[in-house]
Protein backbone atom coordinates (compact mmCIF):
# COMPACT_ATOMS: atom_id res chain seq x y z
CA MET A 1 7.47 -144.43 73.87
CA ALA A 2 7.16 -147.21 71.20
CA THR A 3 4.12 -147.39 68.95
CA SER A 4 1.91 -150.55 68.56
CA THR A 5 0.04 -152.10 65.60
CA LEU A 6 -3.14 -154.31 65.77
CA ARG A 7 -4.35 -156.83 63.11
CA ILE A 8 -7.97 -158.11 63.34
CA ARG A 9 -9.17 -161.07 61.14
CA GLY A 10 -7.25 -160.16 58.00
CA GLU A 11 -8.04 -156.42 58.08
CA GLN A 12 -5.35 -153.90 57.14
CA PRO A 13 -3.27 -152.75 60.06
CA LEU A 14 -4.54 -149.63 61.85
CA ALA A 15 -2.64 -146.39 61.77
CA ALA A 16 0.12 -145.99 64.26
CA VAL A 17 -1.05 -144.66 67.59
CA GLU A 18 0.53 -141.38 68.64
CA PRO A 19 2.63 -141.64 71.76
CA PHE A 20 1.11 -140.33 74.96
CA GLU A 21 2.08 -139.91 78.57
CA LEU A 22 0.26 -140.97 81.68
CA PRO A 23 -1.20 -138.18 83.77
CA ASP A 24 0.84 -136.89 86.64
CA ALA A 25 -0.11 -138.90 89.72
CA SER A 26 0.77 -136.11 92.13
CA ALA A 27 -1.59 -133.76 90.33
CA ALA A 28 -4.39 -136.33 90.42
CA LEU A 29 -3.90 -136.90 94.13
CA ALA A 30 -4.03 -133.15 94.71
CA GLY A 31 -7.42 -133.08 93.03
CA GLY A 32 -6.30 -130.86 90.11
CA LYS A 33 -5.96 -131.51 86.41
CA PRO A 34 -2.51 -131.62 84.91
CA LYS A 35 -1.58 -128.41 83.09
CA LYS A 36 -1.82 -128.80 79.37
CA ARG A 37 1.42 -127.87 77.67
CA ARG A 38 1.01 -125.24 74.99
CA GLY A 39 2.66 -126.00 71.72
CA ARG A 40 4.94 -123.60 69.94
CA ARG A 41 3.00 -121.02 67.97
CA LYS A 42 3.27 -121.41 64.23
CA MET A 43 4.27 -118.37 62.21
CA VAL A 44 2.27 -119.47 59.10
CA PHE A 45 -0.85 -121.67 59.23
CA TRP A 46 -4.01 -122.56 57.29
CA HIS A 47 -7.07 -120.78 58.66
CA GLU A 48 -10.09 -123.02 58.12
CA PRO A 49 -12.93 -120.53 58.82
CA THR A 50 -11.74 -118.09 56.15
CA GLN A 51 -10.27 -120.72 53.85
CA SER A 52 -7.06 -118.71 53.58
CA TRP A 53 -3.57 -118.65 54.92
CA GLY A 54 -2.90 -116.87 58.20
CA ALA A 55 0.27 -115.57 59.84
CA ASN A 56 1.49 -114.46 63.27
CA GLY A 57 3.65 -111.34 63.02
CA ARG A 58 4.83 -108.51 65.24
CA HIS A 59 3.21 -105.06 65.36
CA PRO A 60 5.52 -102.00 65.21
CA ASP A 61 4.64 -101.15 68.82
CA GLY A 62 5.79 -104.62 69.92
CA ALA A 63 2.36 -106.28 70.28
CA ARG A 64 1.42 -109.55 68.55
CA TRP A 65 -0.19 -109.15 65.15
CA ARG A 66 -2.29 -111.88 63.45
CA ARG A 67 -3.70 -111.56 59.95
CA TYR A 68 -5.73 -113.81 57.62
CA GLY A 69 -6.65 -113.74 53.97
CA PHE A 70 -3.33 -114.56 52.29
CA VAL A 71 -3.76 -116.48 49.04
CA THR A 72 -0.58 -118.51 49.24
CA GLU A 73 1.69 -119.69 52.00
CA GLY A 74 4.53 -117.65 50.50
CA ASP A 75 2.57 -114.42 50.83
CA ALA A 76 1.93 -115.10 54.49
CA ASP A 77 5.57 -115.97 55.10
CA ALA A 78 6.74 -112.77 53.37
CA TRP A 79 4.43 -110.69 55.52
CA VAL A 80 5.79 -112.30 58.70
CA PHE A 81 9.35 -111.54 57.60
CA GLN A 82 8.38 -107.93 56.92
CA THR A 83 6.91 -107.46 60.41
CA LEU A 84 10.00 -108.96 62.05
CA ALA A 85 12.33 -106.59 60.18
CA PRO A 86 12.18 -103.90 62.95
CA LYS A 87 13.23 -106.56 65.44
CA ASP A 88 16.22 -107.45 63.27
CA GLU A 89 16.96 -103.73 62.92
CA LEU A 90 16.96 -103.43 66.70
CA GLY A 91 19.55 -106.18 66.84
CA ARG A 92 21.75 -104.35 64.37
CA LEU A 93 21.35 -101.05 66.23
CA ALA A 94 22.30 -102.74 69.48
CA THR A 95 25.71 -103.67 68.03
CA GLU A 96 26.33 -100.04 67.07
CA LEU A 97 25.26 -98.46 70.36
CA PRO A 98 27.94 -96.62 72.38
CA ALA A 99 29.35 -98.53 75.31
CA PRO A 100 27.65 -96.37 78.01
CA ILE A 101 24.19 -97.02 76.50
CA LEU A 102 24.88 -100.76 76.17
CA ARG A 103 25.85 -100.85 79.84
CA ASP A 104 22.64 -99.05 80.79
CA VAL A 105 20.53 -101.53 78.78
CA ALA A 106 22.36 -104.51 80.27
CA HIS A 107 21.89 -103.08 83.75
CA ALA A 108 18.15 -102.60 83.14
CA LEU A 109 17.80 -106.17 81.87
CA SER A 110 19.66 -107.54 84.89
CA ILE A 111 17.34 -105.64 87.23
CA ARG A 112 14.31 -107.07 85.39
CA THR A 113 15.69 -110.58 85.72
CA GLN A 114 16.57 -110.23 89.40
CA LYS A 115 13.29 -108.60 90.44
CA GLY A 116 11.10 -110.84 88.31
CA LEU A 117 9.39 -107.96 86.53
CA ALA A 118 7.12 -108.49 83.55
CA ARG A 119 8.71 -108.80 80.13
CA TYR A 120 8.89 -105.60 78.12
CA ASP A 121 7.81 -105.68 74.50
CA GLU A 122 10.38 -105.10 71.80
CA GLY A 123 8.58 -101.95 70.69
CA LEU A 124 9.02 -100.34 74.12
CA PHE A 125 12.75 -101.08 74.16
CA THR A 126 13.08 -99.79 70.62
CA ARG A 127 11.36 -96.52 71.49
CA LEU A 128 13.38 -95.95 74.66
CA ILE A 129 16.69 -96.64 72.96
CA LYS A 130 15.89 -94.46 69.97
CA GLU A 131 14.85 -91.62 72.26
CA ASP A 132 18.08 -91.96 74.20
CA ILE A 133 20.13 -91.96 71.01
CA ALA A 134 18.31 -88.85 69.77
CA ARG A 135 18.84 -87.11 73.12
CA ASN A 136 22.46 -88.19 73.58
CA PRO A 137 23.92 -89.39 70.24
CA LEU A 138 27.39 -90.25 71.59
CA GLY A 139 26.13 -91.72 74.85
CA GLN A 140 28.65 -89.68 76.87
CA LYS A 141 27.86 -88.71 80.45
CA LYS A 142 28.78 -85.02 80.17
CA THR A 143 27.79 -82.69 82.97
CA PHE A 144 26.89 -79.07 82.32
CA ARG A 145 30.01 -77.88 84.15
CA GLU A 146 32.27 -79.97 81.91
CA VAL A 147 30.52 -78.71 78.78
CA VAL A 148 30.86 -75.05 79.83
CA GLU A 149 34.57 -75.51 80.55
CA ALA A 150 35.07 -77.08 77.12
CA TRP A 151 33.06 -74.26 75.51
CA LEU A 152 35.15 -71.59 77.25
CA SER A 153 38.39 -73.30 76.20
CA SER A 154 37.19 -73.17 72.58
CA LYS A 155 37.16 -69.35 72.86
CA GLU A 156 40.90 -69.03 73.47
CA GLY A 157 41.39 -67.07 70.25
CA LYS A 158 38.72 -64.52 71.21
CA LYS A 159 39.17 -61.23 73.03
CA ALA A 160 39.97 -61.56 76.73
CA ARG A 161 36.93 -59.45 77.49
CA THR A 162 34.68 -61.79 75.48
CA VAL A 163 35.89 -64.81 77.44
CA ARG A 164 35.48 -62.96 80.74
CA ASP A 165 31.93 -61.89 79.90
CA ALA A 166 31.03 -65.41 78.73
CA LYS A 167 32.30 -66.89 82.00
CA ASP A 168 30.41 -64.30 84.01
CA CYS A 169 27.12 -64.89 82.13
CA THR A 170 27.26 -68.66 82.69
CA ALA A 171 28.37 -68.54 86.34
CA LEU A 172 24.90 -68.86 87.90
CA ALA A 173 23.82 -71.58 85.45
CA VAL A 174 26.93 -73.59 86.33
CA LYS A 175 26.17 -73.12 90.01
CA MET A 176 22.56 -74.34 89.61
CA LEU A 177 23.00 -77.01 86.91
CA GLY A 178 26.70 -77.81 87.08
CA GLU A 179 26.42 -81.47 88.16
CA LYS A 180 23.39 -82.28 86.00
CA LEU A 181 23.90 -84.25 82.80
CA VAL A 182 23.61 -81.94 79.84
CA ALA A 183 21.34 -84.41 78.02
CA LEU A 184 18.83 -84.22 80.90
CA ILE A 185 18.57 -80.41 81.09
CA VAL A 186 15.17 -79.19 79.92
CA LYS A 187 13.50 -75.87 79.19
CA THR A 188 12.21 -75.36 82.73
CA ASP A 189 15.77 -75.56 84.10
CA ILE A 190 16.88 -72.70 81.83
CA GLU A 191 13.80 -70.66 82.73
CA LYS A 192 14.65 -70.98 86.45
CA VAL A 193 18.09 -69.52 85.76
CA LEU A 194 16.77 -66.69 83.60
CA GLY A 195 13.98 -65.95 86.08
CA ARG A 196 16.47 -64.29 88.40
CA PHE A 197 17.35 -61.56 85.90
CA LYS A 198 15.66 -59.01 83.70
CA GLY A 199 16.53 -56.49 81.03
CA TYR A 200 19.93 -56.53 79.37
CA ARG A 201 21.35 -58.96 81.92
CA ARG A 202 18.68 -61.57 81.15
CA ARG A 203 19.18 -61.10 77.41
CA ASN A 204 22.95 -61.53 77.63
CA ILE A 205 22.71 -64.68 79.76
CA HIS A 206 20.08 -66.13 77.42
CA VAL A 207 22.37 -65.55 74.41
CA ARG A 208 25.32 -67.22 76.13
CA LEU A 209 23.31 -70.26 77.19
CA ARG A 210 22.06 -70.69 73.62
CA GLU A 211 25.69 -70.67 72.49
CA VAL A 212 26.58 -73.36 75.05
CA PHE A 213 23.85 -75.74 73.90
CA LYS A 214 24.58 -75.02 70.24
CA TYR A 215 28.14 -76.09 71.01
CA CYS A 216 26.69 -79.28 72.55
CA GLN A 217 24.68 -79.96 69.40
CA GLU A 218 27.70 -79.40 67.16
CA ASN A 219 29.70 -81.91 69.22
CA ARG A 220 26.72 -84.35 69.44
CA TYR A 221 26.42 -84.20 73.21
CA ILE A 222 22.68 -83.63 72.64
CA GLY A 223 20.38 -84.10 69.65
CA THR A 224 20.72 -81.83 66.63
CA ALA A 225 17.00 -81.09 66.23
CA PRO A 226 16.00 -77.50 67.15
CA GLU A 227 13.73 -78.70 69.95
CA ASP A 228 16.62 -80.67 71.50
CA ASN A 229 18.15 -77.35 72.58
CA PRO A 230 16.72 -76.53 76.06
CA CYS A 231 16.60 -72.84 75.09
CA TYR A 232 14.21 -73.63 72.23
CA GLY A 233 10.89 -71.84 72.68
CA ILE A 234 12.04 -69.42 75.41
CA GLN A 235 10.90 -65.91 74.53
CA LYS A 236 13.59 -63.33 73.89
CA THR A 237 13.85 -60.48 76.37
CA LYS A 238 12.22 -57.29 75.18
CA ILE A 239 14.56 -54.35 75.65
CA THR A 240 13.08 -50.88 75.90
CA ARG A 241 15.80 -48.54 74.68
CA SER A 242 15.79 -45.23 76.49
CA LEU A 243 17.20 -41.96 75.19
CA PRO A 244 20.59 -40.75 76.48
CA ASN A 245 20.42 -38.94 79.79
CA PRO A 246 23.33 -36.46 79.72
CA VAL A 247 24.60 -34.77 82.84
CA THR A 248 23.81 -31.07 82.98
CA PHE A 249 26.50 -28.40 83.11
CA GLU A 250 25.67 -27.49 86.72
CA ASP A 251 25.86 -31.10 87.92
CA ALA A 252 29.06 -31.68 85.92
CA ARG A 253 30.75 -28.68 87.57
CA ARG A 254 29.67 -29.74 91.06
CA LEU A 255 30.68 -33.36 90.42
CA PHE A 256 34.15 -32.34 89.31
CA ALA A 257 34.48 -30.06 92.37
CA LEU A 258 33.63 -33.01 94.65
CA ALA A 259 36.21 -35.17 92.87
CA VAL A 260 38.94 -32.55 93.46
CA GLN A 261 37.96 -32.05 97.10
CA THR A 262 38.12 -35.81 97.81
CA GLU A 263 41.19 -36.54 95.66
CA ASP A 264 43.46 -37.27 98.62
CA SER A 265 41.09 -39.86 100.12
CA LEU A 266 39.27 -41.30 97.06
CA GLY A 267 41.43 -40.43 94.02
CA CYS A 268 38.56 -40.08 91.53
CA THR A 269 39.56 -36.83 89.76
CA ALA A 270 41.27 -38.37 86.71
CA TRP A 271 38.56 -41.04 86.43
CA VAL A 272 35.83 -38.36 86.35
CA ALA A 273 37.78 -36.03 84.04
CA PHE A 274 38.41 -38.64 81.34
CA ARG A 275 34.74 -39.59 81.24
CA MET A 276 33.64 -35.93 81.10
CA PHE A 277 36.13 -34.59 78.54
CA LEU A 278 37.17 -37.60 76.44
CA ALA A 279 33.74 -39.27 76.21
CA LEU A 280 34.81 -42.60 77.71
CA ARG A 281 32.12 -45.14 78.45
CA ASP A 282 31.73 -46.26 82.05
CA SER A 283 33.07 -49.75 81.24
CA GLU A 284 36.01 -48.32 79.27
CA ALA A 285 37.05 -45.98 82.11
CA LEU A 286 37.10 -48.93 84.53
CA LYS A 287 39.59 -50.88 82.37
CA LEU A 288 41.84 -48.15 80.98
CA THR A 289 45.40 -48.13 82.36
CA TYR A 290 48.42 -45.84 82.30
CA ASP A 291 50.72 -47.22 79.62
CA GLN A 292 53.13 -45.77 77.08
CA LYS A 293 51.54 -47.70 74.19
CA ASP A 294 48.14 -49.24 75.06
CA GLY A 295 46.71 -46.83 77.57
CA ILE A 296 47.16 -43.27 78.86
CA ASN A 297 50.42 -41.63 77.81
CA ALA A 298 50.29 -38.28 79.61
CA SER A 299 53.72 -37.11 78.36
CA ARG A 300 52.69 -37.49 74.70
CA GLY A 301 49.11 -36.43 75.27
CA PHE A 302 47.00 -39.37 74.09
CA ALA A 303 45.12 -42.41 75.37
CA HIS A 304 44.87 -45.56 73.25
CA LEU A 305 41.94 -47.90 73.88
CA ASN A 306 42.88 -51.37 72.65
CA ARG A 307 40.56 -54.30 71.87
CA ASN A 308 40.36 -55.37 75.50
CA VAL A 309 39.26 -51.90 76.65
CA ALA A 310 37.13 -50.44 73.86
CA LYS A 311 33.57 -51.67 73.68
CA LEU A 312 33.11 -51.71 69.89
CA ARG A 313 36.51 -51.03 68.32
CA GLU A 314 39.92 -49.75 69.38
CA ARG A 315 40.57 -46.06 69.01
CA THR A 316 42.90 -43.29 70.12
CA VAL A 317 41.70 -40.14 71.91
CA TYR A 318 43.92 -37.09 72.42
CA LEU A 319 44.49 -34.94 75.48
CA ASP A 320 46.74 -32.56 73.55
CA ALA A 321 45.45 -31.12 70.27
CA ALA A 322 49.02 -30.62 68.99
CA GLN A 323 49.60 -34.38 69.04
CA CYS A 324 46.53 -35.21 66.93
CA PRO A 325 47.54 -36.36 63.39
CA ASP A 326 44.27 -35.09 61.88
CA PRO A 327 44.62 -31.29 61.38
CA GLU A 328 40.87 -30.87 60.86
CA LEU A 329 40.16 -32.44 64.26
CA ARG A 330 42.65 -30.42 66.32
CA ALA A 331 40.34 -27.41 66.75
CA PHE A 332 37.67 -29.59 68.33
CA ILE A 333 39.81 -31.27 71.01
CA PRO A 334 39.20 -29.75 74.50
CA SER A 335 42.31 -28.29 76.13
CA ASN A 336 41.17 -28.34 79.76
CA LEU A 337 41.97 -32.04 80.26
CA ARG A 338 45.63 -31.35 79.48
CA ARG A 339 45.73 -28.77 82.29
CA ILE A 340 43.95 -31.13 84.70
CA MET A 341 46.45 -33.94 84.05
CA ALA A 342 49.33 -31.50 84.57
CA ASP A 343 48.05 -30.66 88.08
CA LEU A 344 47.63 -34.31 89.05
CA PRO A 345 50.60 -36.51 90.04
CA ARG A 346 51.94 -38.15 86.87
CA LEU A 347 51.53 -41.90 86.73
CA GLU A 348 53.32 -44.33 84.42
CA ALA A 349 51.43 -47.52 85.35
CA GLY A 350 48.31 -48.68 87.10
CA MET A 351 44.59 -48.28 86.56
CA LEU A 352 42.87 -45.01 85.71
CA ALA A 353 39.92 -45.83 87.99
CA PRO A 354 40.44 -46.14 91.74
CA SER A 355 39.31 -49.17 93.67
CA ARG A 356 35.70 -50.25 93.38
CA ARG A 357 35.17 -49.42 97.03
CA ASN A 358 36.31 -45.82 96.54
CA ILE A 359 34.12 -45.46 93.45
CA ASP A 360 31.07 -46.61 95.40
CA ARG A 361 31.90 -44.16 98.20
CA PHE A 362 32.29 -41.30 95.74
CA LYS A 363 28.97 -42.07 94.05
CA ALA A 364 27.21 -42.27 97.42
CA TYR A 365 28.72 -38.93 98.49
CA ALA A 366 27.68 -37.31 95.18
CA ARG A 367 24.11 -38.57 95.55
CA HIS A 368 24.04 -37.23 99.11
CA CYS A 369 25.03 -33.81 97.70
CA GLY A 370 22.18 -33.93 95.16
CA ILE A 371 24.21 -34.78 92.06
CA VAL A 372 22.59 -37.43 89.86
CA TRP A 373 23.64 -38.82 86.49
CA GLY A 374 22.57 -41.90 84.56
CA ARG A 375 24.42 -44.74 82.88
CA ASN A 376 27.08 -43.30 80.56
CA GLY A 377 25.69 -39.90 81.56
CA LEU A 378 29.13 -38.21 81.51
CA ARG A 379 29.83 -39.49 77.99
CA ALA A 380 26.42 -38.19 76.89
CA GLY A 381 27.23 -34.89 78.64
CA PHE A 382 30.39 -34.57 76.53
CA ALA A 383 28.43 -35.21 73.32
CA THR A 384 25.70 -32.73 74.26
CA HIS A 385 27.96 -29.83 75.22
CA HIS A 386 30.55 -30.46 72.49
CA PHE A 387 27.81 -30.30 69.84
CA ALA A 388 26.32 -27.21 71.51
CA LEU A 389 29.72 -25.46 71.48
CA PHE A 390 31.16 -26.41 68.06
CA LYS A 391 28.01 -27.35 66.09
CA ASP A 392 30.00 -30.06 64.31
CA ALA A 393 28.50 -33.50 64.67
CA LYS A 394 31.14 -35.13 62.46
CA ALA A 395 34.04 -34.04 64.70
CA ALA A 396 32.21 -35.08 67.88
CA SER A 397 31.37 -38.49 66.42
CA LYS A 398 35.06 -39.07 65.56
CA ILE A 399 36.14 -38.28 69.12
CA MET A 400 33.48 -40.59 70.56
CA GLY A 401 34.36 -43.41 68.15
CA HIS A 402 31.11 -43.45 66.20
CA LEU A 403 30.99 -44.82 62.67
CA PRO A 404 28.27 -44.51 60.02
CA ALA A 405 27.22 -48.05 60.91
CA ASP A 406 26.57 -46.85 64.48
CA GLY A 407 24.43 -43.95 63.33
CA GLY A 408 27.25 -41.47 62.78
CA VAL A 409 26.18 -37.84 62.86
CA ASP A 410 22.52 -38.83 62.93
CA VAL A 411 22.91 -39.70 66.61
CA PHE A 412 23.73 -36.09 67.46
CA TYR A 413 20.91 -34.60 65.42
CA LYS A 414 18.50 -37.09 66.96
CA HIS A 415 19.53 -37.12 70.63
CA TYR A 416 21.96 -34.36 71.65
CA TYR A 417 20.96 -31.15 69.88
CA ARG A 418 18.26 -30.01 72.32
CA PHE A 419 19.85 -30.47 75.76
CA ALA A 420 22.29 -27.52 75.88
CA ASP A 421 23.04 -24.18 74.26
CA TYR A 422 26.29 -22.47 73.26
CA GLU A 423 26.85 -20.79 76.65
CA ALA A 424 26.40 -24.08 78.50
CA GLY A 425 28.81 -25.81 76.11
CA LYS A 426 31.46 -23.11 76.60
CA ALA A 427 31.12 -23.25 80.39
CA TYR A 428 31.30 -27.07 80.34
CA PHE A 429 34.73 -27.15 78.69
CA ASP A 430 36.01 -24.33 80.92
CA ILE A 431 35.81 -26.68 83.92
CA GLY A 432 39.34 -27.20 85.21
CA ARG A 433 40.94 -24.80 82.69
CA LYS A 434 42.20 -22.52 85.49
CA GLY A 435 43.47 -25.35 87.67
CA LEU A 436 42.10 -27.76 90.21
CA LYS A 437 41.96 -25.28 93.11
CA LYS A 438 39.70 -22.97 91.14
CA ALA A 439 37.52 -25.89 90.08
CA ALA A 440 37.12 -27.07 93.68
CA SER A 441 36.09 -23.63 94.94
CA VAL A 442 32.95 -23.40 92.77
CA PHE A 443 30.90 -25.75 94.97
CA ALA A 444 30.65 -26.15 98.72
CA PRO A 445 28.92 -29.44 99.62
CA PRO A 446 26.32 -29.45 102.42
CA VAL A 447 28.57 -31.74 104.47
CA THR A 448 32.25 -32.53 104.16
CA TYR A 449 33.37 -35.99 103.17
CA LEU A 450 34.63 -36.61 106.71
CA GLU A 451 31.22 -35.74 108.14
CA PHE A 452 29.53 -37.91 105.53
CA VAL A 453 31.71 -40.92 106.38
CA SER A 454 31.22 -40.43 110.11
CA LYS A 455 27.49 -40.20 109.64
CA LYS A 456 27.44 -43.43 107.67
CA GLY A 457 29.65 -45.14 110.22
CA ARG A 458 32.24 -46.24 107.67
CA PRO A 459 36.01 -45.95 108.11
CA ILE A 460 37.88 -43.55 105.83
């Protein structure tokens, strides 16, 4: 609108009149006042009450921030620029965000626009994005199942047994959390998985899950801070270590007699004999095979436990003392196992242990006959009676595969010296020396295996 100038009787012209607009007629007819338009807020201004310069900035949390008391206009302007720096930083961070996070932010903004939600402050967006970056640095949508598969593939150079145990320990966690994004897994999820186990099993699973999430941190699937690992803060399982529980001579003789009597139906004689007279662990006896090089070589009288079979380290145990390369150890190798293997059908291949089903049946039959032994009880029985017979802890520790780092001879003086005497040790290693028929005749079970199976209602 054009401005106008008035001149009255020679006076100087008045100042130009600011343009104005007529009020909205529709608003007047409706009986309401026209809405006054708010001018754009100035960043720097003169504050009359305090006689100082003021400025409108932005608080770190995103709220508006007004301050007075600046001496010069430049000071106020510099303060405004300083408060807006986080906003500029947000703009720079947005250009460096991974594509998946940018898509999520764009999707959230589109929802806000479509639904007409209230505007979020810049501080809120900054906090959410920074938290997401800290939780998922690469912005990749990795599920727990995908991460575990990648972690297992990274163990290709490890022992086959290590990979198998790692897969077994993570199986339930994959079943429960497999489709969940790894960046969204929290401590309570891990506690639900561990809550189903106790003792050694819980400890082993906890260790494996920590390895999985450490792998995620190394590959930046989750944050690298200690608390970003969902296993952070979970208490370690307390293991109460119990003393060895060796099988007694009487139970060992009856157990071997049962194995011989049920050899035709269950085939557990060799499996029991190797654990009793070569000090094999339960897990080692389940994986040992007949093989000319890495396994049982009956013709040459030795059994080699390779890395996939031995629990701690590979070793060779001898059935025949004449084949042992250490002359000092030959006198301490039992000779009854050689005779037992000669009476059994010779095998060149296959597993030492029978099927799992037959093992369970044999254990149930032995318990029914009153024979009880604990975990690795036959290995502990060997150690107890060997030390009672020969009184040489060094030779027994070599046969069992002990090293000084494992306790060496101290294990025998601490655990095995008090469970048996010389007569019991001599009788223990006489089991099977006169053949399998003689060994089977020393014990008559209360019921035969056929009666036991019929009573249980299971097929033979």
